[in-house]
C-alpha cells in the first residue's frame, strides 16, 4: 500500500486504495509489477539490484475516464523516475535523484 507520496495525504492514498504489487514472476532478475491508484490498472517491469538501485520501465495503463485522475497521473509520471530503493522492516521506499520519494507498507501492515 502506498502510504507516502508528495502532494497527497495518507488519507487520500487510503481513500484511493493506492497500491503496488511486486509479487509477480521473477524472470531474468526482473519482476512484472502492477499498480492500482483508484481507477486504472498500471503495469511495468522492475529490477531491484542488491546495491539499492532499482530500474522501473515505462508503464502501460488501462484508459478509463475517471473522476479524479490526479494521483494516477502523478504516480505514472514519477514511478519510472525512481532509481533507488531501501527496505526497512515492512516499508519499501523508492526515491529518485531529485529527492522525491514514494513509501509503501506491506499490505498486511498499516
Protein backbone atom coordinates (compact mmCIF):
# COMPACT_ATOMS: atom_id res chain seq x y z
CA UNK A 1 0.00 0.00 0.00
CA UNK A 2 1.26 3.47 -0.90
CA UNK A 3 1.43 5.48 2.34
CA UNK A 4 3.54 8.49 1.38
CA UNK A 5 3.77 10.33 -1.94
CA UNK A 6 4.43 14.04 -2.49
CA UNK A 7 1.36 16.23 -2.57
CA UNK A 8 -1.02 13.56 -1.26
CA UNK A 9 -2.08 12.87 2.32
CA UNK A 10 -2.13 9.35 3.73
CA UNK A 11 -5.94 9.68 3.93
CA UNK A 12 -6.10 10.44 0.17
CA UNK A 13 -3.88 7.46 -0.63
CA UNK A 14 -6.01 5.17 1.54
CA UNK A 15 -9.25 6.50 0.01
CA UNK A 16 -7.90 5.68 -3.48
CA UNK A 17 -6.70 2.26 -2.23
CA UNK A 18 -3.34 3.10 -3.82
CA UNK A 19 -1.15 0.02 -4.08
CA UNK A 20 1.69 -1.57 -5.99
CA UNK A 21 2.16 -5.32 -6.33
CA UNK A 22 5.67 -6.70 -6.83
CA UNK A 23 4.86 -10.37 -6.27
CA UNK A 24 4.92 -11.21 -9.98
CA UNK A 25 7.07 -13.92 -11.53
CA UNK A 26 10.82 -13.29 -11.36
CA UNK A 27 12.29 -13.58 -14.88
CA UNK A 28 15.98 -12.82 -15.57
CA UNK A 29 16.10 -10.66 -12.43
CA UNK A 30 13.04 -8.64 -13.46
CA UNK A 31 9.63 -8.59 -11.80
CA UNK A 32 6.42 -7.80 -13.63
CA UNK A 33 4.66 -5.37 -11.30
CA UNK A 34 1.35 -3.62 -11.33
CA UNK A 35 -0.25 -0.72 -9.53
CA UNK A 36 -3.75 0.50 -8.80
CA UNK A 37 -4.42 4.11 -7.87
CA UNK A 38 -8.20 4.11 -7.63
CA UNK A 39 -9.45 3.63 -11.19
CA UNK A 40 -6.94 2.30 -13.72
CA UNK A 41 -4.53 -0.63 -13.57
CA UNK A 42 -0.89 0.04 -14.45
CA UNK A 43 1.76 -2.49 -15.41
CA UNK A 44 5.55 -2.19 -15.53
CA UNK A 45 8.74 -4.18 -15.21
CA UNK A 46 11.06 -3.61 -12.26
CA UNK A 47 14.58 -4.76 -11.47
CA UNK A 48 15.87 -4.44 -7.90
CA UNK A 49 19.64 -4.79 -7.56
CA UNK A 50 21.49 -5.64 -4.35
CA UNK A 51 23.22 -2.25 -4.20
CA UNK A 52 19.95 -0.33 -3.65
CA UNK A 53 19.47 0.51 -7.32
CA UNK A 54 16.10 -0.01 -8.98
CA UNK A 55 15.11 0.23 -12.63
CA UNK A 56 11.43 0.61 -13.46
CA UNK A 57 10.23 0.56 -17.05
CA UNK A 58 7.79 2.97 -18.57
CA UNK A 59 4.40 1.63 -17.61
CA UNK A 60 1.27 0.92 -19.53
CA UNK A 61 -2.20 1.59 -18.20
CA UNK A 62 -5.84 0.92 -18.85
CA UNK A 63 -7.52 4.10 -20.08
CA UNK A 64 -10.75 4.51 -18.14
CA UNK A 65 -12.03 8.04 -17.75
CA UNK A 66 -12.04 8.58 -14.01
CA UNK A 67 -13.50 11.33 -11.89
CA UNK A 68 -10.17 12.18 -10.18
CA UNK A 69 -7.03 11.16 -12.07
CA UNK A 70 -4.56 13.45 -10.28
CA UNK A 71 -3.00 10.64 -8.19
CA UNK A 72 -2.81 8.25 -11.15
CA UNK A 73 -1.19 10.82 -13.41
CA UNK A 74 1.35 11.83 -10.79
CA UNK A 75 2.20 8.23 -9.89
CA UNK A 76 2.61 7.16 -13.51
CA UNK A 77 4.97 10.07 -14.24
CA UNK A 78 7.09 9.50 -11.12
CA UNK A 79 7.31 5.70 -10.83
CA UNK A 80 9.59 5.35 -13.84
CA UNK A 81 11.96 8.04 -12.50
CA UNK A 82 12.69 6.11 -9.30
CA UNK A 83 16.32 4.95 -9.21
CA UNK A 84 16.97 3.86 -5.60
CA UNK A 85 15.23 1.72 -3.05
CA UNK A 86 15.52 0.86 0.62
CA UNK A 87 13.71 -1.66 2.78
CA UNK A 88 13.20 -1.02 6.48
CA UNK A 89 11.01 -3.52 8.29
CA UNK A 90 7.73 -3.69 6.37
CA UNK A 91 8.42 -0.48 4.43
CA UNK A 92 9.76 -0.09 0.89
CA UNK A 93 10.91 3.40 -0.06
CA UNK A 94 11.64 4.35 -3.67
CA UNK A 95 13.50 7.57 -4.47
CA UNK A 96 14.80 9.46 -7.47
CA UNK A 97 17.86 11.67 -7.96
CA UNK A 98 15.89 14.85 -7.10
CA UNK A 99 14.86 13.72 -3.61
CA UNK A 100 11.30 12.65 -4.50
CA UNK A 101 10.11 9.56 -2.65
CA UNK A 102 7.32 7.01 -2.59
CA UNK A 103 6.84 4.93 0.55
CA UNK A 104 4.94 1.66 0.65
CA UNK A 105 3.99 -0.64 3.51
CA UNK A 106 3.29 -4.36 3.16
CA UNK A 107 -0.45 -4.88 2.63
CA UNK A 108 -0.83 -6.82 5.86
CA UNK A 109 0.59 -3.89 7.92
CA UNK A 110 -0.71 -0.38 8.49
